[in-house]
Amino acid sequence: MSSDCLFCKIAAKQIPAKIVHEDADVFAFEDIHPQSPTHVLVCPKKHFASLKHAGTEEEAVLGKVALVAAKIAKERNLGSYRTVINTGSEAGQTVFHLHLHLLGGRAFHWPPG
């Protein structure tokens, strides 16, 4: 846990959030600024800033993050959805704790923004 990380504080229950999934390795919560009807952030509990900072020791938890996103999408009956991991500020990352955005409930266009 990083003491100054917003998402670590959410995982530690120091900051409130609408948690939709939690297990020993991963937690997920509703985004406070949703970009679609479903906008959930799925995070590993272990702090690392981004994919750029992930090593082979994060391989299992990265897979679990993706599978948790798929599970939430299925629970919400999303026929189509988008998953996004921003890496770095120029890609739109604003919180430097790896997280996957699960977006659904509306049509998306390609290429994205």
C-alpha atoms as a PDB file:
ATOM      1  CA  MET A   1       0.000   0.000   0.000  1.00  0.00           C
ATOM      2  CA  SER A   2       1.152   3.460  -0.839  1.00  0.00           C
ATOM      3  CA  SER A   3       0.172   5.917   1.908  1.00  0.00           C
ATOM      4  CA  ASP A   4      -0.534   8.753  -0.547  1.00  0.00           C
ATOM      5  CA  CYS A   5      -2.445   6.695  -3.149  1.00  0.00           C
ATOM      6  CA  LEU A   6      -6.176   7.371  -3.492  1.00  0.00           C
ATOM      7  CA  PHE A   7      -6.950   3.806  -4.607  1.00  0.00           C
ATOM      8  CA  CYS A   8      -4.870   2.260  -1.804  1.00  0.00           C
ATOM      9  CA  LYS A   9      -6.901   4.357   0.634  1.00  0.00           C
ATOM     10  CA  ILE A  10     -10.135   3.081  -0.936  1.00  0.00           C
ATOM     11  CA  ALA A  11      -8.860  -0.509  -0.630  1.00  0.00           C
ATOM     12  CA  ALA A  12      -8.022   0.136   3.038  1.00  0.00           C
ATOM     13  CA  LYS A  13     -11.522   1.615   3.626  1.00  0.00           C
ATOM     14  CA  GLN A  14     -10.009   4.991   4.557  1.00  0.00           C
ATOM     15  CA  ILE A  15     -11.992   6.685   1.773  1.00  0.00           C
ATOM     16  CA  PRO A  16     -15.575   5.659   0.950  1.00  0.00           C
ATOM     17  CA  ALA A  17     -16.462   4.169  -2.420  1.00  0.00           C
ATOM     18  CA  LYS A  18     -19.282   2.090  -3.850  1.00  0.00           C
ATOM     19  CA  ILE A  19     -17.481  -1.264  -3.852  1.00  0.00           C
ATOM     20  CA  VAL A  20     -18.945  -3.811  -6.280  1.00  0.00           C
ATOM     21  CA  HIS A  21     -16.341  -6.567  -5.835  1.00  0.00           C
ATOM     22  CA  GLU A  22     -13.649  -7.410  -3.323  1.00  0.00           C
ATOM     23  CA  ASP A  23     -11.507 -10.463  -2.703  1.00  0.00           C
ATOM     24  CA  ALA A  24      -7.996 -11.054  -1.379  1.00  0.00           C
ATOM     25  CA  ASP A  25      -6.286  -9.677  -4.512  1.00  0.00           C
ATOM     26  CA  VAL A  26      -8.679  -7.357  -6.355  1.00  0.00           C
ATOM     27  CA  PHE A  27     -11.322  -4.737  -5.617  1.00  0.00           C
ATOM     28  CA  ALA A  28     -13.719  -2.910  -7.917  1.00  0.00           C
ATOM     29  CA  PHE A  29     -15.807   0.190  -7.417  1.00  0.00           C
ATOM     30  CA  GLU A  30     -18.068   2.597  -9.296  1.00  0.00           C
ATOM     31  CA  ASP A  31     -16.236   5.516 -10.927  1.00  0.00           C
ATOM     32  CA  ILE A  32     -17.286   8.844  -9.385  1.00  0.00           C
ATOM     33  CA  HIS A  33     -17.184  10.509 -12.833  1.00  0.00           C
ATOM     34  CA  PRO A  34     -18.770   7.821 -15.038  1.00  0.00           C
ATOM     35  CA  GLN A  35     -18.271   8.028 -18.793  1.00  0.00           C
ATOM     36  CA  SER A  36     -21.000   5.463 -19.520  1.00  0.00           C
ATOM     37  CA  PRO A  37     -23.964   3.916 -17.680  1.00  0.00           C
ATOM     38  CA  THR A  38     -21.592   1.256 -16.366  1.00  0.00           C
ATOM     39  CA  HIS A  39     -18.172   2.603 -15.378  1.00  0.00           C
ATOM     40  CA  VAL A  40     -16.394   0.433 -12.846  1.00  0.00           C
ATOM     41  CA  LEU A  41     -12.719   0.587 -11.905  1.00  0.00           C
ATOM     42  CA  VAL A  42     -11.082  -2.784 -11.218  1.00  0.00           C
ATOM     43  CA  CYS A  43      -7.814  -2.618  -9.264  1.00  0.00           C
ATOM     44  CA  PRO A  44      -5.259  -4.967  -7.775  1.00  0.00           C
ATOM     45  CA  LYS A  45      -4.882  -4.469  -4.034  1.00  0.00           C
ATOM     46  CA  LYS A  46      -1.108  -4.522  -4.477  1.00  0.00           C
ATOM     47  CA  HIS A  47       0.083  -1.057  -5.430  1.00  0.00           C
ATOM     48  CA  PHE A  48       1.960  -0.570  -8.682  1.00  0.00           C
ATOM     49  CA  ALA A  49       1.590   2.538 -10.773  1.00  0.00           C
ATOM     50  CA  SER A  50       0.813   1.176 -14.250  1.00  0.00           C
ATOM     51  CA  LEU A  51       1.443  -1.598 -16.757  1.00  0.00           C
ATOM     52  CA  LYS A  52       4.823   0.019 -17.338  1.00  0.00           C
ATOM     53  CA  HIS A  53       5.655  -0.781 -13.710  1.00  0.00           C
ATOM     54  CA  ALA A  54       4.305  -4.346 -13.736  1.00  0.00           C
ATOM     55  CA  GLY A  55       6.675  -7.277 -13.652  1.00  0.00           C
ATOM     56  CA  THR A  56       6.257 -10.998 -14.035  1.00  0.00           C
ATOM     57  CA  GLU A  57       5.196 -11.159 -10.369  1.00  0.00           C
ATOM     58  CA  GLU A  58       2.024  -9.239 -11.350  1.00  0.00           C
ATOM     59  CA  GLU A  59       1.057 -11.678 -14.112  1.00  0.00           C
ATOM     60  CA  ALA A  60      -1.550 -13.558 -12.060  1.00  0.00           C
ATOM     61  CA  VAL A  61      -3.195 -10.469 -10.577  1.00  0.00           C
ATOM     62  CA  LEU A  62      -3.396  -8.774 -13.985  1.00  0.00           C
ATOM     63  CA  GLY A  63      -5.266 -11.805 -15.301  1.00  0.00           C
ATOM     64  CA  LYS A  64      -7.538 -11.708 -12.280  1.00  0.00           C
ATOM     65  CA  VAL A  65      -8.292  -8.008 -12.850  1.00  0.00           C
ATOM     66  CA  ALA A  66      -9.456  -8.845 -16.392  1.00  0.00           C
ATOM     67  CA  LEU A  67     -11.547 -11.804 -15.229  1.00  0.00           C
ATOM     68  CA  VAL A  68     -13.199  -9.755 -12.467  1.00  0.00           C
ATOM     69  CA  ALA A  69     -14.134  -7.140 -15.086  1.00  0.00           C
ATOM     70  CA  ALA A  70     -15.693  -9.875 -17.242  1.00  0.00           C
ATOM     71  CA  LYS A  71     -17.583 -11.241 -14.211  1.00  0.00           C
ATOM     72  CA  ILE A  72     -19.016  -7.805 -13.386  1.00  0.00           C
ATOM     73  CA  ALA A  73     -19.998  -7.291 -17.042  1.00  0.00           C
ATOM     74  CA  LYS A  74     -21.815 -10.639 -17.024  1.00  0.00           C
ATOM     75  CA  GLU A  75     -23.585  -9.820 -13.734  1.00  0.00           C
ATOM     76  CA  ARG A  76     -24.805  -6.560 -15.300  1.00  0.00           C
ATOM     77  CA  ASN A  77     -25.926  -8.290 -18.501  1.00  0.00           C
ATOM     78  CA  LEU A  78     -23.616  -6.211 -20.680  1.00  0.00           C
ATOM     79  CA  GLY A  79     -23.658  -7.764 -24.144  1.00  0.00           C
ATOM     80  CA  SER A  80     -20.840  -5.485 -25.265  1.00  0.00           C
ATOM     81  CA  TYR A  81     -18.395  -3.514 -23.197  1.00  0.00           C
ATOM     82  CA  ARG A  82     -14.997  -1.882 -23.338  1.00  0.00           C
ATOM     83  CA  THR A  83     -12.045  -2.400 -21.021  1.00  0.00           C
ATOM     84  CA  VAL A  84      -9.298   0.201 -20.859  1.00  0.00           C
ATOM     85  CA  ILE A  85      -6.019   0.458 -18.976  1.00  0.00           C
ATOM     86  CA  ASN A  86      -4.434   3.886 -19.343  1.00  0.00           C
ATOM     87  CA  THR A  87      -0.670   3.965 -18.865  1.00  0.00           C
ATOM     88  CA  GLY A  88       0.866   7.367 -18.236  1.00  0.00           C
ATOM     89  CA  SER A  89      -0.548  10.869 -18.091  1.00  0.00           C
ATOM     90  CA  GLU A  90      -0.536  11.388 -21.871  1.00  0.00           C
ATOM     91  CA  ALA A  91      -2.778   8.302 -22.167  1.00  0.00           C
ATOM     92  CA  GLY A  92      -5.213   9.766 -19.654  1.00  0.00           C
ATOM     93  CA  GLN A  93      -4.039   8.100 -16.445  1.00  0.00           C
ATOM     94  CA  THR A  94      -4.765  10.405 -13.511  1.00  0.00           C
ATOM     95  CA  VAL A  95      -4.426   8.004 -10.560  1.00  0.00           C
ATOM     96  CA  PHE A  96      -1.132   6.155 -10.569  1.00  0.00           C
ATOM     97  CA  HIS A  97      -2.339   2.825  -9.207  1.00  0.00           C
ATOM     98  CA  LEU A  98      -3.003   0.364 -12.013  1.00  0.00           C
ATOM     99  CA  HIS A  99      -6.722   0.091 -12.744  1.00  0.00           C
ATOM    100  CA  LEU A 100      -8.904  -1.233 -15.503  1.00  0.00           C
ATOM    101  CA  HIS A 101     -11.945   0.762 -16.618  1.00  0.00           C
ATOM    102  CA  LEU A 102     -14.994  -1.396 -17.372  1.00  0.00           C
ATOM    103  CA  LEU A 103     -17.324   0.683 -19.552  1.00  0.00           C
ATOM    104  CA  GLY A 104     -20.690  -0.416 -20.901  1.00  0.00           C
ATOM    105  CA  GLY A 105     -24.309   0.392 -21.459  1.00  0.00           C
ATOM    106  CA  ARG A 106     -23.850   2.588 -24.536  1.00  0.00           C
ATOM    107  CA  ALA A 107     -22.327   2.404 -28.013  1.00  0.00           C
ATOM    108  CA  PHE A 108     -18.614   3.142 -28.343  1.00  0.00           C
ATOM    109  CA  HIS A 109     -16.773   4.346 -31.416  1.00  0.00           C
ATOM    110  CA  TRP A 110     -13.368   3.524 -32.865  1.00  0.00           C
ATOM    111  CA  PRO A 111     -10.840   4.939 -32.665  1.00  0.00           C
ATOM    112  CA  PRO A 112     -11.356   6.200 -29.137  1.00  0.00           C
ATOM    113  CA  GLY A 113     -10.574   9.818 -28.154  1.00  0.00           C
END
